[in-house]
């Protein structure tokens, strides 16, 4: 049996009003770094064989903190980068509505297949991320940490749970959350969803 700890990167500086960041590079906040140190302390009681991360800076920084404490050197998997928002990158919702009339509403009507100009749909993201996830599992490592993004994690969890992709936003993925997945012979079991140092304690015995 393999155990996968699917994490979201630590907290990043947010904007008000909210902006679409997608693949925009943003650093962790001090709180985000502390979140990752806390998670590393929890995972220290396990033997982590492999640490794989998105290439975006907020994930690489998160992986660097875990690697220093847990031992494995972070491996970069390009396919784990966040969904590309294309022309919408760094825009607010109001800016999108003004510059692309009707597009924001169209996205809401069909979130799985809507693709911003020069960007990706969540179906595109799933098609990119899932094969990489399976490649990671195909290795010899038995205990794997994967650091991804809210969008990346949600599409993976939809596939694991057999959940329709249009429902992906029903799955919360807070900063620095941990999802624990067991895998054996192609069978997945989700043991923890959105475990977060900011909100809850991990169940006794999980680690």
C-alpha atoms as a PDB file:
ATOM      1  CA  UNK A   1       0.000   0.000   0.000  1.00  0.00           C
ATOM      2  CA  UNK A   2       1.131   3.539  -0.779  1.00  0.00           C
ATOM      3  CA  UNK A   3       0.259   6.613   1.249  1.00  0.00           C
ATOM      4  CA  UNK A   4      -0.008   9.967  -0.505  1.00  0.00           C
ATOM      5  CA  UNK A   5      -0.031  13.226   1.430  1.00  0.00           C
ATOM      6  CA  UNK A   6      -1.522  15.683  -1.052  1.00  0.00           C
ATOM      7  CA  UNK A   7      -0.855  19.214   0.220  1.00  0.00           C
ATOM      8  CA  UNK A   8      -1.709  22.694  -0.873  1.00  0.00           C
ATOM      9  CA  UNK A   9       1.094  25.237  -0.560  1.00  0.00           C
ATOM     10  CA  UNK A  10       1.176  27.598   2.425  1.00  0.00           C
ATOM     11  CA  UNK A  11      -0.586  30.931   2.626  1.00  0.00           C
ATOM     12  CA  UNK A  12       0.234  33.601   0.049  1.00  0.00           C
ATOM     13  CA  UNK A  13      -0.562  37.304   0.113  1.00  0.00           C
ATOM     14  CA  UNK A  14      -4.102  37.836  -1.160  1.00  0.00           C
ATOM     15  CA  UNK A  15      -5.632  40.877  -2.787  1.00  0.00           C
ATOM     16  CA  UNK A  16      -8.834  42.743  -2.115  1.00  0.00           C
ATOM     17  CA  UNK A  17     -10.777  42.552  -4.297  1.00  0.00           C
ATOM     18  CA  UNK A  18      -9.834  38.992  -5.212  1.00  0.00           C
ATOM     19  CA  UNK A  19      -7.826  38.432  -8.379  1.00  0.00           C
ATOM     20  CA  UNK A  20      -7.395  35.384 -10.600  1.00  0.00           C
ATOM     21  CA  UNK A  21      -3.804  34.313  -9.974  1.00  0.00           C
ATOM     22  CA  UNK A  22      -3.530  30.930 -11.695  1.00  0.00           C
ATOM     23  CA  UNK A  23       0.136  30.634 -12.585  1.00  0.00           C
ATOM     24  CA  UNK A  24       1.097  34.108 -11.347  1.00  0.00           C
ATOM     25  CA  UNK A  25       4.171  33.874  -9.110  1.00  0.00           C
ATOM     26  CA  UNK A  26       3.542  34.831  -5.485  1.00  0.00           C
ATOM     27  CA  UNK A  27       5.701  34.110  -2.437  1.00  0.00           C
ATOM     28  CA  UNK A  28       4.550  32.574   0.826  1.00  0.00           C
ATOM     29  CA  UNK A  29       3.704  34.857   3.716  1.00  0.00           C
ATOM     30  CA  UNK A  30       5.415  34.388   7.076  1.00  0.00           C
ATOM     31  CA  UNK A  31       2.272  32.592   8.210  1.00  0.00           C
ATOM     32  CA  UNK A  32       2.463  30.345   5.163  1.00  0.00           C
ATOM     33  CA  UNK A  33       6.033  29.365   6.059  1.00  0.00           C
ATOM     34  CA  UNK A  34       4.982  28.633   9.618  1.00  0.00           C
ATOM     35  CA  UNK A  35       2.108  26.469   8.335  1.00  0.00           C
ATOM     36  CA  UNK A  36       4.537  24.368   6.324  1.00  0.00           C
ATOM     37  CA  UNK A  37       6.891  23.987   9.295  1.00  0.00           C
ATOM     38  CA  UNK A  38       3.935  22.813  11.373  1.00  0.00           C
ATOM     39  CA  UNK A  39       2.974  20.211   8.780  1.00  0.00           C
ATOM     40  CA  UNK A  40       6.577  19.058   8.501  1.00  0.00           C
ATOM     41  CA  UNK A  41       6.603  18.527  12.255  1.00  0.00           C
ATOM     42  CA  UNK A  42       3.479  16.349  11.997  1.00  0.00           C
ATOM     43  CA  UNK A  43       4.908  14.332   9.107  1.00  0.00           C
ATOM     44  CA  UNK A  44       8.266  13.878  10.837  1.00  0.00           C
ATOM     45  CA  UNK A  45       6.961  10.794  12.644  1.00  0.00           C
ATOM     46  CA  UNK A  46       6.479   9.061   9.271  1.00  0.00           C
ATOM     47  CA  UNK A  47       9.108   7.861   6.806  1.00  0.00           C
ATOM     48  CA  UNK A  48       8.601  10.039   3.740  1.00  0.00           C
ATOM     49  CA  UNK A  49      10.238   8.447   0.704  1.00  0.00           C
ATOM     50  CA  UNK A  50       9.523  11.081  -1.901  1.00  0.00           C
ATOM     51  CA  UNK A  51       8.607  14.766  -2.114  1.00  0.00           C
ATOM     52  CA  UNK A  52       7.162  16.084  -5.384  1.00  0.00           C
ATOM     53  CA  UNK A  53       6.113  19.652  -6.083  1.00  0.00           C
ATOM     54  CA  UNK A  54       4.623  21.998  -8.647  1.00  0.00           C
ATOM     55  CA  UNK A  55       7.243  24.224 -10.284  1.00  0.00           C
ATOM     56  CA  UNK A  56       5.557  27.449  -9.152  1.00  0.00           C
ATOM     57  CA  UNK A  57       7.462  29.361  -6.487  1.00  0.00           C
ATOM     58  CA  UNK A  58       4.856  29.105  -3.721  1.00  0.00           C
ATOM     59  CA  UNK A  59       4.974  25.313  -3.963  1.00  0.00           C
ATOM     60  CA  UNK A  60       8.754  25.101  -4.354  1.00  0.00           C
ATOM     61  CA  UNK A  61       9.192  27.249  -1.242  1.00  0.00           C
ATOM     62  CA  UNK A  62       6.729  25.030   0.644  1.00  0.00           C
ATOM     63  CA  UNK A  63       8.588  21.923  -0.547  1.00  0.00           C
ATOM     64  CA  UNK A  64      11.919  23.407   0.472  1.00  0.00           C
ATOM     65  CA  UNK A  65      10.697  23.839   4.047  1.00  0.00           C
ATOM     66  CA  UNK A  66       9.397  20.260   4.176  1.00  0.00           C
ATOM     67  CA  UNK A  67      12.547  18.877   2.572  1.00  0.00           C
ATOM     68  CA  UNK A  68      14.796  20.493   5.158  1.00  0.00           C
ATOM     69  CA  UNK A  69      12.863  18.815   7.962  1.00  0.00           C
ATOM     70  CA  UNK A  70      11.799  15.525   6.396  1.00  0.00           C
ATOM     71  CA  UNK A  71      14.886  14.699   4.345  1.00  0.00           C
ATOM     72  CA  UNK A  72      13.868  13.982   0.737  1.00  0.00           C
ATOM     73  CA  UNK A  73      15.005  16.541  -1.822  1.00  0.00           C
ATOM     74  CA  UNK A  74      12.032  18.103  -3.633  1.00  0.00           C
ATOM     75  CA  UNK A  75      11.404  16.872  -7.179  1.00  0.00           C
ATOM     76  CA  UNK A  76       9.736  19.287  -9.586  1.00  0.00           C
ATOM     77  CA  UNK A  77       6.870  17.942 -11.697  1.00  0.00           C
ATOM     78  CA  UNK A  78       5.910  20.569 -14.338  1.00  0.00           C
ATOM     79  CA  UNK A  79       2.447  19.082 -14.854  1.00  0.00           C
ATOM     80  CA  UNK A  80       1.463  19.987 -11.273  1.00  0.00           C
ATOM     81  CA  UNK A  81       1.469  23.738 -11.961  1.00  0.00           C
ATOM     82  CA  UNK A  82      -1.824  25.522 -11.293  1.00  0.00           C
ATOM     83  CA  UNK A  83      -4.495  26.065 -13.938  1.00  0.00           C
ATOM     84  CA  UNK A  84      -3.556  28.729 -16.492  1.00  0.00           C
ATOM     85  CA  UNK A  85      -6.004  31.617 -16.424  1.00  0.00           C
ATOM     86  CA  UNK A  86      -4.633  33.123 -19.643  1.00  0.00           C
ATOM     87  CA  UNK A  87      -5.885  36.647 -20.314  1.00  0.00           C
ATOM     88  CA  UNK A  88      -7.659  36.643 -16.944  1.00  0.00           C
ATOM     89  CA  UNK A  89      -4.434  36.360 -14.923  1.00  0.00           C
ATOM     90  CA  UNK A  90      -4.231  39.019 -12.186  1.00  0.00           C
ATOM     91  CA  UNK A  91      -7.629  40.501 -13.116  1.00  0.00           C
ATOM     92  CA  UNK A  92     -10.467  41.091 -10.667  1.00  0.00           C
ATOM     93  CA  UNK A  93     -13.929  39.719 -11.387  1.00  0.00           C
ATOM     94  CA  UNK A  94     -15.125  43.225 -12.259  1.00  0.00           C
ATOM     95  CA  UNK A  95     -12.237  43.687 -14.694  1.00  0.00           C
ATOM     96  CA  UNK A  96     -13.055  40.362 -16.377  1.00  0.00           C
ATOM     97  CA  UNK A  97     -16.718  41.326 -16.672  1.00  0.00           C
ATOM     98  CA  UNK A  98     -15.806  44.668 -18.192  1.00  0.00           C
ATOM     99  CA  UNK A  99     -13.187  43.430 -20.663  1.00  0.00           C
ATOM    100  CA  UNK A 100     -14.844  40.110 -21.572  1.00  0.00           C
ATOM    101  CA  UNK A 101     -18.612  40.702 -21.381  1.00  0.00           C
ATOM    102  CA  UNK A 102     -20.582  37.548 -20.591  1.00  0.00           C
ATOM    103  CA  UNK A 103     -17.492  35.368 -20.122  1.00  0.00           C
ATOM    104  CA  UNK A 104     -17.547  35.239 -16.336  1.00  0.00           C
ATOM    105  CA  UNK A 105     -21.187  34.164 -16.393  1.00  0.00           C
ATOM    106  CA  UNK A 106     -20.430  31.562 -19.083  1.00  0.00           C
ATOM    107  CA  UNK A 107     -17.701  30.116 -16.871  1.00  0.00           C
ATOM    108  CA  UNK A 108     -20.172  29.795 -14.017  1.00  0.00           C
ATOM    109  CA  UNK A 109     -22.626  27.926 -16.247  1.00  0.00           C
ATOM    110  CA  UNK A 110     -20.043  25.325 -17.341  1.00  0.00           C
ATOM    111  CA  UNK A 111     -17.055  25.484 -15.023  1.00  0.00           C
ATOM    112  CA  UNK A 112     -15.569  22.203 -16.243  1.00  0.00           C
ATOM    113  CA  UNK A 113     -15.072  23.118 -19.888  1.00  0.00           C
ATOM    114  CA  UNK A 114     -14.941  26.924 -19.965  1.00  0.00           C
ATOM    115  CA  UNK A 115     -11.520  28.158 -21.075  1.00  0.00           C
ATOM    116  CA  UNK A 116     -10.436  31.820 -20.707  1.00  0.00           C
ATOM    117  CA  UNK A 117      -8.586  33.262 -23.728  1.00  0.00           C
ATOM    118  CA  UNK A 118      -5.117  31.643 -23.867  1.00  0.00           C
ATOM    119  CA  UNK A 119      -5.955  29.737 -20.669  1.00  0.00           C
ATOM    120  CA  UNK A 120      -7.105  26.273 -19.594  1.00  0.00           C
ATOM    121  CA  UNK A 121     -10.390  24.725 -18.540  1.00  0.00           C
ATOM    122  CA  UNK A 122     -10.593  22.480 -15.499  1.00  0.00           C
ATOM    123  CA  UNK A 123     -10.991  19.575 -17.920  1.00  0.00           C
ATOM    124  CA  UNK A 124      -7.680  20.603 -19.508  1.00  0.00           C
ATOM    125  CA  UNK A 125      -6.147  20.762 -16.038  1.00  0.00           C
ATOM    126  CA  UNK A 126      -7.432  17.311 -15.110  1.00  0.00           C
ATOM    127  CA  UNK A 127      -6.117  15.852 -18.357  1.00  0.00           C
ATOM    128  CA  UNK A 128      -2.696  17.351 -17.608  1.00  0.00           C
ATOM    129  CA  UNK A 129      -2.452  16.510 -13.906  1.00  0.00           C
ATOM    130  CA  UNK A 130      -3.918  12.999 -13.667  1.00  0.00           C
ATOM    131  CA  UNK A 131      -1.312  11.207 -15.851  1.00  0.00           C
ATOM    132  CA  UNK A 132       1.477  12.904 -13.873  1.00  0.00           C
ATOM    133  CA  UNK A 133      -0.131  11.773 -10.615  1.00  0.00           C
ATOM    134  CA  UNK A 134      -0.244   8.182 -11.849  1.00  0.00           C
ATOM    135  CA  UNK A 135       3.403   8.386 -12.935  1.00  0.00           C
ATOM    136  CA  UNK A 136       4.358   9.500  -9.442  1.00  0.00           C
ATOM    137  CA  UNK A 137       2.471   6.559  -7.917  1.00  0.00           C
ATOM    138  CA  UNK A 138       4.123   4.115 -10.312  1.00  0.00           C
ATOM    139  CA  UNK A 139       7.515   4.585  -8.625  1.00  0.00           C
ATOM    140  CA  UNK A 140       8.899   2.518  -5.768  1.00  0.00           C
ATOM    141  CA  UNK A 141       8.170   5.072  -3.016  1.00  0.00           C
ATOM    142  CA  UNK A 142       5.578   3.967  -0.459  1.00  0.00           C
ATOM    143  CA  UNK A 143       5.054   7.297   1.332  1.00  0.00           C
ATOM    144  CA  UNK A 144       4.812  10.338  -0.921  1.00  0.00           C
ATOM    145  CA  UNK A 145       4.223  14.029  -0.307  1.00  0.00           C
ATOM    146  CA  UNK A 146       2.831  15.973  -3.258  1.00  0.00           C
ATOM    147  CA  UNK A 147       2.551  19.758  -3.027  1.00  0.00           C
ATOM    148  CA  UNK A 148       0.057  21.281  -5.421  1.00  0.00           C
ATOM    149  CA  UNK A 149      -2.527  24.031  -5.713  1.00  0.00           C
ATOM    150  CA  UNK A 150      -6.221  24.383  -4.954  1.00  0.00           C
ATOM    151  CA  UNK A 151      -7.229  23.705  -8.561  1.00  0.00           C
ATOM    152  CA  UNK A 152      -4.743  20.880  -9.044  1.00  0.00           C
ATOM    153  CA  UNK A 153      -5.773  19.156  -5.826  1.00  0.00           C
ATOM    154  CA  UNK A 154      -9.474  19.511  -6.540  1.00  0.00           C
ATOM    155  CA  UNK A 155      -9.288  17.871  -9.967  1.00  0.00           C
ATOM    156  CA  UNK A 156      -7.209  15.021  -8.516  1.00  0.00           C
ATOM    157  CA  UNK A 157      -9.684  14.513  -5.681  1.00  0.00           C
ATOM    158  CA  UNK A 158     -12.606  14.525  -8.122  1.00  0.00           C
ATOM    159  CA  UNK A 159     -10.967  11.670 -10.044  1.00  0.00           C
ATOM    160  CA  UNK A 160     -10.144   9.763  -6.862  1.00  0.00           C
ATOM    161  CA  UNK A 161     -13.692  10.130  -5.500  1.00  0.00           C
ATOM    162  CA  UNK A 162     -15.436   9.541  -8.837  1.00  0.00           C
ATOM    163  CA  UNK A 163     -16.986  12.983  -8.440  1.00  0.00           C
ATOM    164  CA  UNK A 164     -18.208  14.976 -11.454  1.00  0.00           C
ATOM    165  CA  UNK A 165     -15.744  17.716 -12.297  1.00  0.00           C
ATOM    166  CA  UNK A 166     -18.387  20.513 -12.318  1.00  0.00           C
ATOM    167  CA  UNK A 167     -18.738  19.920  -8.545  1.00  0.00           C
ATOM    168  CA  UNK A 168     -15.055  20.533  -7.800  1.00  0.00           C
ATOM    169  CA  UNK A 169     -15.659  23.690  -5.769  1.00  0.00           C
ATOM    170  CA  UNK A 170     -17.581  21.649  -3.209  1.00  0.00           C
ATOM    171  CA  UNK A 171     -14.147  20.406  -2.111  1.00  0.00           C
ATOM    172  CA  UNK A 172     -12.404  22.932   0.144  1.00  0.00           C
ATOM    173  CA  UNK A 173      -8.655  23.218  -0.187  1.00  0.00           C
ATOM    174  CA  UNK A 174      -7.358  25.741   2.312  1.00  0.00           C
ATOM    175  CA  UNK A 175      -3.795  26.988   2.415  1.00  0.00           C
ATOM    176  CA  UNK A 176      -1.445  24.316   3.784  1.00  0.00           C
ATOM    177  CA  UNK A 177      -4.197  21.709   3.942  1.00  0.00           C
ATOM    178  CA  UNK A 178      -3.390  17.999   3.919  1.00  0.00           C
ATOM    179  CA  UNK A 179      -5.341  15.286   2.104  1.00  0.00           C
ATOM    180  CA  UNK A 180      -4.371  11.710   2.954  1.00  0.00           C
ATOM    181  CA  UNK A 181      -4.912   9.063   0.288  1.00  0.00           C
ATOM    182  CA  UNK A 182      -4.185   5.327   0.456  1.00  0.00           C
ATOM    183  CA  UNK A 183      -3.576   3.475  -2.802  1.00  0.00           C
ATOM    184  CA  UNK A 184      -3.283  -0.237  -3.489  1.00  0.00           C
ATOM    185  CA  UNK A 185      -3.626  -2.037  -6.823  1.00  0.00           C
ATOM    186  CA  UNK A 186      -5.403   0.897  -8.431  1.00  0.00           C
ATOM    187  CA  UNK A 187      -7.883   1.328  -5.566  1.00  0.00           C
ATOM    188  CA  UNK A 188      -7.959   4.710  -3.831  1.00  0.00           C
ATOM    189  CA  UNK A 189      -9.241   5.491  -0.346  1.00  0.00           C
ATOM    190  CA  UNK A 190      -9.446   9.056   0.926  1.00  0.00           C
ATOM    191  CA  UNK A 191      -8.719   9.138   4.660  1.00  0.00           C
ATOM    192  CA  UNK A 192      -8.470  12.879   5.300  1.00  0.00           C
ATOM    193  CA  UNK A 193      -9.799  15.832   3.311  1.00  0.00           C
ATOM    194  CA  UNK A 194      -8.631  19.420   3.800  1.00  0.00           C
ATOM    195  CA  UNK A 195      -6.905  18.825   7.130  1.00  0.00           C
ATOM    196  CA  UNK A 196      -5.699  22.318   8.003  1.00  0.00           C
ATOM    197  CA  UNK A 197      -3.348  23.619  10.703  1.00  0.00           C
ATOM    198  CA  UNK A 198      -5.383  26.810  10.754  1.00  0.00           C
ATOM    199  CA  UNK A 199      -8.644  25.122  11.721  1.00  0.00           C
ATOM    200  CA  UNK A 200      -8.475  21.551  12.990  1.00  0.00           C
ATOM    201  CA  UNK A 201      -6.196  19.056  14.672  1.00  0.00           C
ATOM    202  CA  UNK A 202      -5.240  15.943  12.766  1.00  0.00           C
ATOM    203  CA  UNK A 203      -7.085  12.804  13.870  1.00  0.00           C
ATOM    204  CA  UNK A 204      -5.171  10.807  16.450  1.00  0.00           C
ATOM    205  CA  UNK A 205      -3.070   8.146  14.763  1.00  0.00           C
ATOM    206  CA  UNK A 206      -3.265   9.628  11.260  1.00  0.00           C
ATOM    207  CA  UNK A 207       0.448  10.292  11.264  1.00  0.00           C
END
